[in-house]
């Protein structure tokens, strides 16, 4: 019974986090696309210079599901999330496959900032 309560609490926390991101997706202020494709460090720097940041995976996914990204939902976009064990990699959101995966931080990829 204790395992069931823990699993239920964990599931509830995950669903609450995702639902919160989905509801708040429309409240985020999205920048125009950064000029050209940029690596992860440069995209992070450009966002900071705008007083913004790269979006979380769940934010960009929720914005896509909410229709916020309909004018630009193609290709790959950087997220702010670095790979858990490999410091040379970070996550991108792939609009073509509607999923996120990690890639090299040195790759040149589209980016938009959020606030």
PDB file of N, CA and C in Angstrom:
ATOM      1  N   UNK A   1       0.818  -1.194   0.000  1.00  0.00           N
ATOM      2  CA  UNK A   1       0.000   0.000   0.000  1.00  0.00           C
ATOM      3  C   UNK A   1       0.866   1.264   0.000  1.00  0.00           C
ATOM      4  N   UNK A   2       1.991   1.214   0.728  1.00  0.00           N
ATOM      5  CA  UNK A   2       2.876   2.368   0.798  1.00  0.00           C
ATOM      6  C   UNK A   2       3.446   2.685  -0.583  1.00  0.00           C
ATOM      7  N   UNK A   3       3.844   1.658  -1.358  1.00  0.00           N
ATOM      8  CA  UNK A   3       4.372   1.853  -2.707  1.00  0.00           C
ATOM      9  C   UNK A   3       3.331   2.498  -3.604  1.00  0.00           C
ATOM     10  N   UNK A   4       2.079   2.084  -3.471  1.00  0.00           N
ATOM     11  CA  UNK A   4       0.996   2.656  -4.259  1.00  0.00           C
ATOM     12  C   UNK A   4       0.840   4.148  -3.976  1.00  0.00           C
ATOM     13  N   UNK A   5       0.908   4.531  -2.701  1.00  0.00           N
ATOM     14  CA  UNK A   5       0.770   5.935  -2.329  1.00  0.00           C
ATOM     15  C   UNK A   5       1.924   6.765  -2.895  1.00  0.00           C
ATOM     16  N   UNK A   6       3.140   6.221  -2.850  1.00  0.00           N
ATOM     17  CA  UNK A   6       4.300   6.935  -3.373  1.00  0.00           C
ATOM     18  C   UNK A   6       4.174   7.104  -4.880  1.00  0.00           C
ATOM     19  N   UNK A   7       3.804   6.043  -5.598  1.00  0.00           N
ATOM     20  CA  UNK A   7       3.650   6.110  -7.053  1.00  0.00           C
ATOM     21  C   UNK A   7       2.534   7.077  -7.427  1.00  0.00           C
ATOM     22  N   UNK A   8       1.448   7.057  -6.677  1.00  0.00           N
ATOM     23  CA  UNK A   8       0.335   7.964  -6.942  1.00  0.00           C
ATOM     24  C   UNK A   8       0.763   9.410  -6.724  1.00  0.00           C
ATOM     25  N   UNK A   9       1.496   9.669  -5.654  1.00  0.00           N
ATOM     26  CA  UNK A   9       1.973  11.022  -5.363  1.00  0.00           C
ATOM     27  C   UNK A   9       2.943  11.496  -6.446  1.00  0.00           C
ATOM     28  N   UNK A  10       3.821  10.608  -6.900  1.00  0.00           N
ATOM     29  CA  UNK A  10       4.771  10.958  -7.950  1.00  0.00           C
ATOM     30  C   UNK A  10       4.039  11.266  -9.252  1.00  0.00           C
ATOM     31  N   UNK A  11       3.084  10.448  -9.618  1.00  0.00           N
ATOM     32  CA  UNK A  11       2.301  10.671 -10.828  1.00  0.00           C
ATOM     33  C   UNK A  11       1.549  11.993 -10.745  1.00  0.00           C
ATOM     34  N   UNK A  12       0.963  12.271  -9.610  1.00  0.00           N
ATOM     35  CA  UNK A  12       0.237  13.518  -9.417  1.00  0.00           C
ATOM     36  C   UNK A  12       1.175  14.724  -9.554  1.00  0.00           C
ATOM     37  N   UNK A  13       2.377  14.627  -9.004  1.00  0.00           N
ATOM     38  CA  UNK A  13       3.356  15.717  -9.107  1.00  0.00           C
ATOM     39  C   UNK A  13       3.753  15.960 -10.561  1.00  0.00           C
ATOM     40  N   UNK A  14       3.971  14.882 -11.311  1.00  0.00           N
ATOM     41  CA  UNK A  14       4.349  14.998 -12.725  1.00  0.00           C
ATOM     42  C   UNK A  14       3.212  15.632 -13.522  1.00  0.00           C
ATOM     43  N   UNK A  15       1.995  15.146 -13.326  1.00  0.00           N
ATOM     44  CA  UNK A  15       0.847  15.689 -14.053  1.00  0.00           C
ATOM     45  C   UNK A  15       0.598  17.153 -13.697  1.00  0.00           C
ATOM     46  N   UNK A  16       0.736  17.490 -12.435  1.00  0.00           N
ATOM     47  CA  UNK A  16       0.544  18.872 -12.005  1.00  0.00           C
ATOM     48  C   UNK A  16       1.579  19.783 -12.657  1.00  0.00           C
ATOM     49  N   UNK A  17       2.832  19.339 -12.705  1.00  0.00           N
ATOM     50  CA  UNK A  17       3.901  20.116 -13.314  1.00  0.00           C
ATOM     51  C   UNK A  17       3.625  20.342 -14.792  1.00  0.00           C
ATOM     52  N   UNK A  18       3.243  19.281 -15.508  1.00  0.00           N
ATOM     53  CA  UNK A  18       2.971  19.418 -16.936  1.00  0.00           C
ATOM     54  C   UNK A  18       1.753  20.303 -17.177  1.00  0.00           C
ATOM     55  N   UNK A  19       0.683  20.079 -16.422  1.00  0.00           N
ATOM     56  CA  UNK A  19      -0.539  20.857 -16.604  1.00  0.00           C
ATOM     57  C   UNK A  19      -0.271  22.331 -16.313  1.00  0.00           C
ATOM     58  N   UNK A  20       0.521  22.617 -15.303  1.00  0.00           N
ATOM     59  CA  UNK A  20       0.877  23.990 -14.972  1.00  0.00           C
ATOM     60  C   UNK A  20       1.636  24.634 -16.132  1.00  0.00           C
ATOM     61  N   UNK A  21       2.568  23.908 -16.710  1.00  0.00           N
ATOM     62  CA  UNK A  21       3.327  24.428 -17.857  1.00  0.00           C
ATOM     63  C   UNK A  21       2.392  24.670 -19.035  1.00  0.00           C
ATOM     64  N   UNK A  22       1.445  23.756 -19.253  1.00  0.00           N
ATOM     65  CA  UNK A  22       0.494  23.892 -20.360  1.00  0.00           C
ATOM     66  C   UNK A  22      -0.358  25.143 -20.169  1.00  0.00           C
ATOM     67  N   UNK A  23      -0.870  25.345 -18.964  1.00  0.00           N
ATOM     68  CA  UNK A  23      -1.722  26.509 -18.701  1.00  0.00           C
ATOM     69  C   UNK A  23      -0.946  27.816 -18.793  1.00  0.00           C
ATOM     70  N   UNK A  24       0.326  27.801 -18.390  1.00  0.00           N
ATOM     71  CA  UNK A  24       1.135  29.021 -18.391  1.00  0.00           C
ATOM     72  C   UNK A  24       1.826  29.283 -19.722  1.00  0.00           C
ATOM     73  N   UNK A  25       1.714  28.337 -20.669  1.00  0.00           N
ATOM     74  CA  UNK A  25       2.410  28.479 -21.949  1.00  0.00           C
ATOM     75  C   UNK A  25       2.013  29.759 -22.664  1.00  0.00           C
ATOM     76  N   UNK A  26       0.752  30.128 -22.596  1.00  0.00           N
ATOM     77  CA  UNK A  26       0.288  31.336 -23.253  1.00  0.00           C
ATOM     78  C   UNK A  26       0.731  32.605 -22.548  1.00  0.00           C
ATOM     79  N   UNK A  27       1.161  32.499 -21.307  1.00  0.00           N
ATOM     80  CA  UNK A  27       1.594  33.667 -20.543  1.00  0.00           C
ATOM     81  C   UNK A  27       3.056  34.025 -20.794  1.00  0.00           C
ATOM     82  N   UNK A  28       3.812  33.106 -21.349  1.00  0.00           N
ATOM     83  CA  UNK A  28       5.220  33.386 -21.627  1.00  0.00           C
ATOM     84  C   UNK A  28       5.330  34.387 -22.765  1.00  0.00           C
ATOM     85  N   UNK A  29       6.315  35.246 -22.685  1.00  0.00           N
ATOM     86  CA  UNK A  29       6.626  36.184 -23.768  1.00  0.00           C
ATOM     87  C   UNK A  29       7.746  35.548 -24.592  1.00  0.00           C
ATOM     88  N   UNK A  30       7.464  35.296 -25.853  1.00  0.00           N
ATOM     89  CA  UNK A  30       8.434  34.660 -26.746  1.00  0.00           C
ATOM     90  C   UNK A  30       9.102  35.723 -27.609  1.00  0.00           C
ATOM     91  N   UNK A  31      10.411  35.620 -27.754  1.00  0.00           N
ATOM     92  CA  UNK A  31      11.139  36.553 -28.623  1.00  0.00           C
ATOM     93  C   UNK A  31      10.972  36.127 -30.074  1.00  0.00           C
ATOM     94  N   UNK A  32      11.390  37.009 -30.968  1.00  0.00           N
ATOM     95  CA  UNK A  32      11.525  36.598 -32.356  1.00  0.00           C
ATOM     96  C   UNK A  32      12.667  35.583 -32.413  1.00  0.00           C
ATOM     97  N   UNK A  33      12.733  34.879 -33.517  1.00  0.00           N
ATOM     98  CA  UNK A  33      13.815  33.914 -33.665  1.00  0.00           C
ATOM     99  C   UNK A  33      15.151  34.656 -33.682  1.00  0.00           C
ATOM    100  N   UNK A  34      16.139  34.103 -32.975  1.00  0.00           N
ATOM    101  CA  UNK A  34      17.472  34.702 -32.986  1.00  0.00           C
ATOM    102  C   UNK A  34      18.026  34.623 -34.407  1.00  0.00           C
ATOM    103  N   UNK A  35      18.816  35.621 -34.831  1.00  0.00           N
ATOM    104  CA  UNK A  35      19.312  35.623 -36.208  1.00  0.00           C
ATOM    105  C   UNK A  35      20.223  34.432 -36.499  1.00  0.00           C
ATOM    106  N   UNK A  36      19.920  33.719 -37.556  1.00  0.00           N
ATOM    107  CA  UNK A  36      20.719  32.567 -37.958  1.00  0.00           C
ATOM    108  C   UNK A  36      20.628  31.432 -36.948  1.00  0.00           C
ATOM    109  N   UNK A  37      21.261  30.360 -37.264  1.00  0.00           N
ATOM    110  CA  UNK A  37      21.338  29.242 -36.322  1.00  0.00           C
ATOM    111  C   UNK A  37      22.560  29.456 -35.453  1.00  0.00           C
ATOM    112  N   UNK A  38      22.404  29.176 -34.167  1.00  0.00           N
ATOM    113  CA  UNK A  38      23.483  29.439 -33.208  1.00  0.00           C
ATOM    114  C   UNK A  38      23.699  28.223 -32.313  1.00  0.00           C
ATOM    115  N   UNK A  39      24.898  28.141 -31.737  1.00  0.00           N
ATOM    116  CA  UNK A  39      25.149  27.047 -30.801  1.00  0.00           C
ATOM    117  C   UNK A  39      24.478  27.360 -29.467  1.00  0.00           C
ATOM    118  N   UNK A  40      24.508  26.403 -28.549  1.00  0.00           N
ATOM    119  CA  UNK A  40      23.774  26.530 -27.297  1.00  0.00           C
ATOM    120  C   UNK A  40      24.279  27.692 -26.453  1.00  0.00           C
ATOM    121  N   UNK A  41      25.612  27.841 -26.341  1.00  0.00           N
ATOM    122  CA  UNK A  41      26.185  28.911 -25.519  1.00  0.00           C
ATOM    123  C   UNK A  41      25.812  30.284 -26.080  1.00  0.00           C
ATOM    124  N   UNK A  42      25.906  30.446 -27.391  1.00  0.00           N
ATOM    125  CA  UNK A  42      25.573  31.732 -28.010  1.00  0.00           C
ATOM    126  C   UNK A  42      24.080  32.041 -27.870  1.00  0.00           C
ATOM    127  N   UNK A  43      23.232  31.029 -28.017  1.00  0.00           N
ATOM    128  CA  UNK A  43      21.795  31.277 -27.863  1.00  0.00           C
ATOM    129  C   UNK A  43      21.472  31.676 -26.421  1.00  0.00           C
ATOM    130  N   UNK A  44      22.105  31.030 -25.450  1.00  0.00           N
ATOM    131  CA  UNK A  44      21.896  31.386 -24.042  1.00  0.00           C
ATOM    132  C   UNK A  44      22.351  32.818 -23.775  1.00  0.00           C
ATOM    133  N   UNK A  45      23.499  33.193 -24.306  1.00  0.00           N
ATOM    134  CA  UNK A  45      24.039  34.540 -24.131  1.00  0.00           C
ATOM    135  C   UNK A  45      23.112  35.592 -24.760  1.00  0.00           C
ATOM    136  N   UNK A  46      22.658  35.332 -25.988  1.00  0.00           N
ATOM    137  CA  UNK A  46      21.771  36.290 -26.657  1.00  0.00           C
ATOM    138  C   UNK A  46      20.461  36.465 -25.889  1.00  0.00           C
ATOM    139  N   UNK A  47      19.953  35.384 -25.317  1.00  0.00           N
ATOM    140  CA  UNK A  47      18.729  35.483 -24.514  1.00  0.00           C
ATOM    141  C   UNK A  47      18.988  36.328 -23.263  1.00  0.00           C
ATOM    142  N   UNK A  48      20.100  36.100 -22.589  1.00  0.00           N
ATOM    143  CA  UNK A  48      20.438  36.870 -21.397  1.00  0.00           C
ATOM    144  C   UNK A  48      20.557  38.356 -21.725  1.00  0.00           C
ATOM    145  N   UNK A  49      21.149  38.675 -22.874  1.00  0.00           N
ATOM    146  CA  UNK A  49      21.293  40.069 -23.288  1.00  0.00           C
ATOM    147  C   UNK A  49      19.942  40.732 -23.513  1.00  0.00           C
ATOM    148  N   UNK A  50      18.914  39.945 -23.833  1.00  0.00           N
ATOM    149  CA  UNK A  50      17.556  40.459 -24.021  1.00  0.00           C
ATOM    150  C   UNK A  50      16.772  40.478 -22.703  1.00  0.00           C
ATOM    151  N   UNK A  51      17.420  40.020 -21.610  1.00  0.00           N
ATOM    152  CA  UNK A  51      16.715  39.906 -20.337  1.00  0.00           C
ATOM    153  C   UNK A  51      15.766  38.726 -20.336  1.00  0.00           C
ATOM    154  N   UNK A  52      16.094  37.720 -21.129  1.00  0.00           N
ATOM    155  CA  UNK A  52      15.243  36.533 -21.286  1.00  0.00           C
ATOM    156  C   UNK A  52      16.094  35.285 -21.058  1.00  0.00           C
ATOM    157  N   UNK A  53      15.532  34.141 -21.374  1.00  0.00           N
ATOM    158  CA  UNK A  53      16.246  32.864 -21.241  1.00  0.00           C
ATOM    159  C   UNK A  53      15.725  31.897 -22.298  1.00  0.00           C
ATOM    160  N   UNK A  54      16.447  30.804 -22.483  1.00  0.00           N
ATOM    161  CA  UNK A  54      15.948  29.727 -23.331  1.00  0.00           C
ATOM    162  C   UNK A  54      14.813  29.009 -22.599  1.00  0.00           C
ATOM    163  N   UNK A  55      13.842  28.484 -23.322  1.00  0.00           N
ATOM    164  CA  UNK A  55      12.723  27.808 -22.662  1.00  0.00           C
ATOM    165  C   UNK A  55      13.088  26.413 -22.159  1.00  0.00           C
ATOM    166  N   UNK A  56      12.347  25.958 -21.165  1.00  0.00           N
ATOM    167  CA  UNK A  56      12.452  24.569 -20.712  1.00  0.00           C
ATOM    168  C   UNK A  56      11.807  23.670 -21.755  1.00  0.00           C
ATOM    169  N   UNK A  57      12.158  22.401 -21.747  1.00  0.00           N
ATOM    170  CA  UNK A  57      11.519  21.447 -22.668  1.00  0.00           C
ATOM    171  C   UNK A  57      10.014  21.462 -22.499  1.00  0.00           C
ATOM    172  N   UNK A  58       9.549  21.420 -21.246  1.00  0.00           N
ATOM    173  CA  UNK A  58       8.112  21.343 -21.016  1.00  0.00           C
ATOM    174  C   UNK A  58       7.407  22.634 -21.435  1.00  0.00           C
ATOM    175  N   UNK A  59       8.102  23.763 -21.386  1.00  0.00           N
ATOM    176  CA  UNK A  59       7.494  25.023 -21.813  1.00  0.00           C
ATOM    177  C   UNK A  59       7.298  25.076 -23.321  1.00  0.00           C
ATOM    178  N   UNK A  60       8.324  24.663 -24.063  1.00  0.00           N
ATOM    179  CA  UNK A  60       8.204  24.715 -25.519  1.00  0.00           C
ATOM    180  C   UNK A  60       7.206  23.665 -26.014  1.00  0.00           C
ATOM    181  N   UNK A  61       7.176  22.505 -25.365  1.00  0.00           N
ATOM    182  CA  UNK A  61       6.206  21.474 -25.733  1.00  0.00           C
ATOM    183  C   UNK A  61       4.785  21.938 -25.424  1.00  0.00           C
ATOM    184  N   UNK A  62       4.585  22.543 -24.263  1.00  0.00           N
ATOM    185  CA  UNK A  62       3.258  23.033 -23.884  1.00  0.00           C
ATOM    186  C   UNK A  62       2.819  24.170 -24.808  1.00  0.00           C
ATOM    187  N   UNK A  63       3.744  25.059 -25.159  1.00  0.00           N
ATOM    188  CA  UNK A  63       3.410  26.156 -26.077  1.00  0.00           C
ATOM    189  C   UNK A  63       3.005  25.607 -27.434  1.00  0.00           C
ATOM    190  N   UNK A  64       3.695  24.567 -27.872  1.00  0.00           N
ATOM    191  CA  UNK A  64       3.348  23.925 -29.146  1.00  0.00           C
ATOM    192  C   UNK A  64       1.942  23.337 -29.070  1.00  0.00           C
ATOM    193  N   UNK A  65       1.647  22.605 -28.004  1.00  0.00           N
ATOM    194  CA  UNK A  65       0.323  21.988 -27.852  1.00  0.00           C
ATOM    195  C   UNK A  65      -0.781  23.037 -27.723  1.00  0.00           C
ATOM    196  N   UNK A  66      -0.450  24.195 -27.140  1.00  0.00           N
ATOM    197  CA  UNK A  66      -1.432  25.263 -26.969  1.00  0.00           C
ATOM    198  C   UNK A  66      -1.620  26.087 -28.250  1.00  0.00           C
ATOM    199  N   UNK A  67      -0.780  25.854 -29.251  1.00  0.00           N
ATOM    200  CA  UNK A  67      -0.881  26.587 -30.507  1.00  0.00           C
ATOM    201  C   UNK A  67      -0.099  27.886 -30.536  1.00  0.00           C
ATOM    202  N   UNK A  68       0.629  28.191 -29.463  1.00  0.00           N
ATOM    203  CA  UNK A  68       1.404  29.428 -29.374  1.00  0.00           C
ATOM    204  C   UNK A  68       2.499  29.490 -30.429  1.00  0.00           C
ATOM    205  N   UNK A  69       3.014  28.348 -30.821  1.00  0.00           N
ATOM    206  CA  UNK A  69       4.146  28.300 -31.740  1.00  0.00           C
ATOM    207  C   UNK A  69       3.732  28.025 -33.183  1.00  0.00           C
ATOM    208  N   UNK A  70       2.451  28.096 -33.498  1.00  0.00           N
ATOM    209  CA  UNK A  70       1.968  27.674 -34.817  1.00  0.00           C
ATOM    210  C   UNK A  70       2.627  28.420 -35.980  1.00  0.00           C
ATOM    211  N   UNK A  71       3.055  29.652 -35.762  1.00  0.00           N
ATOM    212  CA  UNK A  71       3.687  30.415 -36.842  1.00  0.00           C
ATOM    213  C   UNK A  71       5.133  29.988 -37.103  1.00  0.00           C
ATOM    214  N   UNK A  72       5.737  29.280 -36.186  1.00  0.00           N
ATOM    215  CA  UNK A  72       7.146  28.905 -36.356  1.00  0.00           C
ATOM    216  C   UNK A  72       7.456  27.490 -35.899  1.00  0.00           C
ATOM    217  N   UNK A  73       6.464  26.612 -35.885  1.00  0.00           N
ATOM    218  CA  UNK A  73       6.723  25.269 -35.352  1.00  0.00           C
ATOM    219  C   UNK A  73       7.224  24.298 -36.423  1.00  0.00           C
ATOM    220  N   UNK A  74       8.491  24.466 -36.755  1.00  0.00           N
ATOM    221  CA  UNK A  74       9.182  23.565 -37.669  1.00  0.00           C
ATOM    222  C   UNK A  74      10.631  23.451 -37.211  1.00  0.00           C
ATOM    223  N   UNK A  75      11.272  22.364 -37.539  1.00  0.00           N
ATOM    224  CA  UNK A  75      12.683  22.209 -37.228  1.00  0.00           C
ATOM    225  C   UNK A  75      13.001  22.052 -35.753  1.00  0.00           C
ATOM    226  N   UNK A  76      14.238  22.389 -35.419  1.00  0.00           N
ATOM    227  CA  UNK A  76      14.764  22.216 -34.063  1.00  0.00           C
ATOM    228  C   UNK A  76      14.957  23.557 -33.381  1.00  0.00           C
ATOM    229  N   UNK A  77      14.702  23.593 -32.058  1.00  0.00           N
ATOM    230  CA  UNK A  77      14.938  24.784 -31.249  1.00  0.00           C
ATOM    231  C   UNK A  77      15.606  24.379 -29.942  1.00  0.00           C
ATOM    232  N   UNK A  78      16.587  25.185 -29.519  1.00  0.00           N
ATOM    233  CA  UNK A  78      17.267  24.933 -28.253  1.00  0.00           C
ATOM    234  C   UNK A  78      16.319  25.080 -27.071  1.00  0.00           C
ATOM    235  N   UNK A  79      16.569  24.280 -26.027  1.00  0.00           N
ATOM    236  CA  UNK A  79      15.952  24.477 -24.720  1.00  0.00           C
ATOM    237  C   UNK A  79      17.064  24.874 -23.753  1.00  0.00           C
ATOM    238  N   UNK A  80      16.696  25.270 -22.559  1.00  0.00           N
ATOM    239  CA  UNK A  80      17.699  25.680 -21.567  1.00  0.00           C
ATOM    240  C   UNK A  80      18.319  24.501 -20.836  1.00  0.00           C
ATOM    241  N   UNK A  81      17.832  23.318 -21.099  1.00  0.00           N
ATOM    242  CA  UNK A  81      18.230  22.156 -20.301  1.00  0.00           C
ATOM    243  C   UNK A  81      19.454  21.429 -20.850  1.00  0.00           C
ATOM    244  N   UNK A  82      20.441  21.323 -19.980  1.00  0.00           N
ATOM    245  CA  UNK A  82      21.646  20.580 -20.316  1.00  0.00           C
ATOM    246  C   UNK A  82      21.431  19.096 -20.029  1.00  0.00           C
ATOM    247  N   UNK A  83      22.217  18.268 -20.711  1.00  0.00           N
ATOM    248  CA  UNK A  83      22.153  16.825 -20.485  1.00  0.00           C
ATOM    249  C   UNK A  83      22.561  16.531 -19.046  1.00  0.00           C
ATOM    250  N   UNK A  84      21.945  15.527 -18.464  1.00  0.00           N
ATOM    251  CA  UNK A  84      22.158  15.208 -17.046  1.00  0.00           C
ATOM    252  C   UNK A  84      23.575  14.753 -16.727  1.00  0.00           C
ATOM    253  N   UNK A  85      24.223  14.036 -17.644  1.00  0.00           N
ATOM    254  CA  UNK A  85      25.551  13.486 -17.344  1.00  0.00           C
ATOM    255  C   UNK A  85      26.647  13.925 -18.316  1.00  0.00           C
ATOM    256  N   UNK A  86      26.285  14.463 -19.454  1.00  0.00           N
ATOM    257  CA  UNK A  86      27.279  14.857 -20.451  1.00  0.00           C
ATOM    258  C   UNK A  86      27.225  16.374 -20.646  1.00  0.00           C
ATOM    259  N   UNK A  87      28.213  17.080 -20.128  1.00  0.00           N
ATOM    260  CA  UNK A  87      28.216  18.541 -20.168  1.00  0.00           C
ATOM    261  C   UNK A  87      28.408  19.109 -21.573  1.00  0.00           C
ATOM    262  N   UNK A  88      28.717  18.263 -22.537  1.00  0.00           N
ATOM    263  CA  UNK A  88      28.898  18.705 -23.923  1.00  0.00           C
ATOM    264  C   UNK A  88      27.575  18.707 -24.698  1.00  0.00           C
ATOM    265  N   UNK A  89      26.479  18.289 -24.033  1.00  0.00           N
ATOM    266  CA  UNK A  89      25.195  18.140 -24.726  1.00  0.00           C
ATOM    267  C   UNK A  89      24.087  18.911 -24.015  1.00  0.00           C
ATOM    268  N   UNK A  90      23.082  19.321 -24.796  1.00  0.00           N
ATOM    269  CA  UNK A  90      21.899  19.988 -24.261  1.00  0.00           C
ATOM    270  C   UNK A  90      20.692  19.514 -25.078  1.00  0.00           C
ATOM    271  N   UNK A  91      19.498  19.836 -24.591  1.00  0.00           N
ATOM    272  CA  UNK A  91      18.277  19.355 -25.250  1.00  0.00           C
ATOM    273  C   UNK A  91      17.727  20.356 -26.253  1.00  0.00           C
ATOM    274  N   UNK A  92      17.199  19.809 -27.333  1.00  0.00           N
ATOM    275  CA  UNK A  92      16.472  20.581 -28.344  1.00  0.00           C
ATOM    276  C   UNK A  92      15.060  20.016 -28.432  1.00  0.00           C
ATOM    277  N   UNK A  93      14.135  20.847 -28.896  1.00  0.00           N
ATOM    278  CA  UNK A  93      12.786  20.371 -29.179  1.00  0.00           C
ATOM    279  C   UNK A  93      12.656  20.283 -30.687  1.00  0.00           C
ATOM    280  N   UNK A  94      12.231  19.117 -31.171  1.00  0.00           N
ATOM    281  CA  UNK A  94      12.068  18.877 -32.600  1.00  0.00           C
ATOM    282  C   UNK A  94      10.586  18.990 -32.936  1.00  0.00           C
ATOM    283  N   UNK A  95      10.210  20.070 -33.617  1.00  0.00           N
ATOM    284  CA  UNK A  95       8.811  20.272 -33.970  1.00  0.00           C
ATOM    285  C   UNK A  95       8.311  19.258 -34.987  1.00  0.00           C
ATOM    286  N   UNK A  96       9.215  18.746 -35.831  1.00  0.00           N
ATOM    287  CA  UNK A  96       8.796  17.765 -36.828  1.00  0.00           C
ATOM    288  C   UNK A  96       8.345  16.465 -36.171  1.00  0.00           C
ATOM    289  N   UNK A  97       9.031  16.056 -35.099  1.00  0.00           N
ATOM    290  CA  UNK A  97       8.693  14.816 -34.391  1.00  0.00           C
ATOM    291  C   UNK A  97       7.965  15.065 -33.079  1.00  0.00           C
ATOM    292  N   UNK A  98       7.786  16.358 -32.728  1.00  0.00           N
ATOM    293  CA  UNK A  98       7.069  16.752 -31.505  1.00  0.00           C
ATOM    294  C   UNK A  98       7.658  16.107 -30.252  1.00  0.00           C
ATOM    295  N   UNK A  99       8.977  16.139 -30.180  1.00  0.00           N
ATOM    296  CA  UNK A  99       9.661  15.548 -29.031  1.00  0.00           C
ATOM    297  C   UNK A  99      11.003  16.244 -28.815  1.00  0.00           C
ATOM    298  N   UNK A 100      11.569  16.009 -27.648  1.00  0.00           N
ATOM    299  CA  UNK A 100      12.866  16.595 -27.307  1.00  0.00           C
ATOM    300  C   UNK A 100      13.910  15.485 -27.220  1.00  0.00           C
ATOM    301  N   UNK A 101      15.138  15.834 -27.555  1.00  0.00           N
ATOM    302  CA  UNK A 101      16.259  14.919 -27.392  1.00  0.00           C
ATOM    303  C   UNK A 101      17.529  15.741 -27.255  1.00  0.00           C
ATOM    304  N   UNK A 102      18.602  15.093 -26.827  1.00  0.00           N
ATOM    305  CA  UNK A 102      19.848  15.826 -26.624  1.00  0.00           C
ATOM    306  C   UNK A 102      20.703  15.807 -27.882  1.00  0.00           C
ATOM    307  N   UNK A 103      21.511  16.848 -28.010  1.00  0.00           N
ATOM    308  CA  UNK A 103      22.452  16.971 -29.121  1.00  0.00           C
ATOM    309  C   UNK A 103      23.672  17.746 -28.633  1.00  0.00           C
ATOM    310  N   UNK A 104      24.704  17.827 -29.456  1.00  0.00           N
ATOM    311  CA  UNK A 104      25.922  18.547 -29.073  1.00  0.00           C
ATOM    312  C   UNK A 104      25.633  20.043 -28.917  1.00  0.00           C
ATOM    313  N   UNK A 105      26.177  20.657 -27.889  1.00  0.00           N
ATOM    314  CA  UNK A 105      25.995  22.092 -27.674  1.00  0.00           C
ATOM    315  C   UNK A 105      26.631  22.920 -28.787  1.00  0.00           C
ATOM    316  N   UNK A 106      27.577  22.348 -29.503  1.00  0.00           N
ATOM    317  CA  UNK A 106      28.250  23.065 -30.585  1.00  0.00           C
ATOM    318  C   UNK A 106      27.437  23.087 -31.876  1.00  0.00           C
ATOM    319  N   UNK A 107      26.363  22.297 -31.957  1.00  0.00           N
ATOM    320  CA  UNK A 107      25.512  22.301 -33.159  1.00  0.00           C
ATOM    321  C   UNK A 107      24.854  23.664 -33.330  1.00  0.00           C
ATOM    322  N   UNK A 108      24.657  24.052 -34.568  1.00  0.00           N
ATOM    323  CA  UNK A 108      23.995  25.327 -34.894  1.00  0.00           C
ATOM    324  C   UNK A 108      22.512  25.044 -35.106  1.00  0.00           C
ATOM    325  N   UNK A 109      21.683  25.623 -34.220  1.00  0.00           N
ATOM    326  CA  UNK A 109      20.259  25.308 -34.180  1.00  0.00           C
ATOM    327  C   UNK A 109      19.456  26.599 -33.966  1.00  0.00           C
ATOM    328  N   UNK A 110      18.198  26.597 -34.388  1.00  0.00           N
ATOM    329  CA  UNK A 110      17.306  27.745 -34.160  1.00  0.00           C
ATOM    330  C   UNK A 110      17.107  27.979 -32.675  1.00  0.00           C
ATOM    331  N   UNK A 111      16.803  29.208 -32.309  1.00  0.00           N
ATOM    332  CA  UNK A 111      16.539  29.514 -30.894  1.00  0.00           C
ATOM    333  C   UNK A 111      15.549  30.666 -30.772  1.00  0.00           C
ATOM    334  N   UNK A 112      14.734  30.596 -29.753  1.00  0.00           N
ATOM    335  CA  UNK A 112      13.857  31.692 -29.327  1.00  0.00           C
ATOM    336  C   UNK A 112      13.971  31.788 -27.819  1.00  0.00           C
ATOM    337  N   UNK A 113      13.810  32.986 -27.318  1.00  0.00           N
ATOM    338  CA  UNK A 113      13.924  33.220 -25.873  1.00  0.00           C
ATOM    339  C   UNK A 113      12.545  33.409 -25.268  1.00  0.00           C
ATOM    340  N   UNK A 114      12.446  33.193 -23.958  1.00  0.00           N
ATOM    341  CA  UNK A 114      11.190  33.408 -23.232  1.00  0.00           C
ATOM    342  C   UNK A 114      11.441  34.264 -22.001  1.00  0.00           C
ATOM    343  N   UNK A 115      10.336  34.850 -21.545  1.00  0.00           N
ATOM    344  CA  UNK A 115      10.375  35.635 -20.312  1.00  0.00           C
ATOM    345  C   UNK A 115       9.091  35.408 -19.565  1.00  0.00           C
TER     346      UNK A 115
END
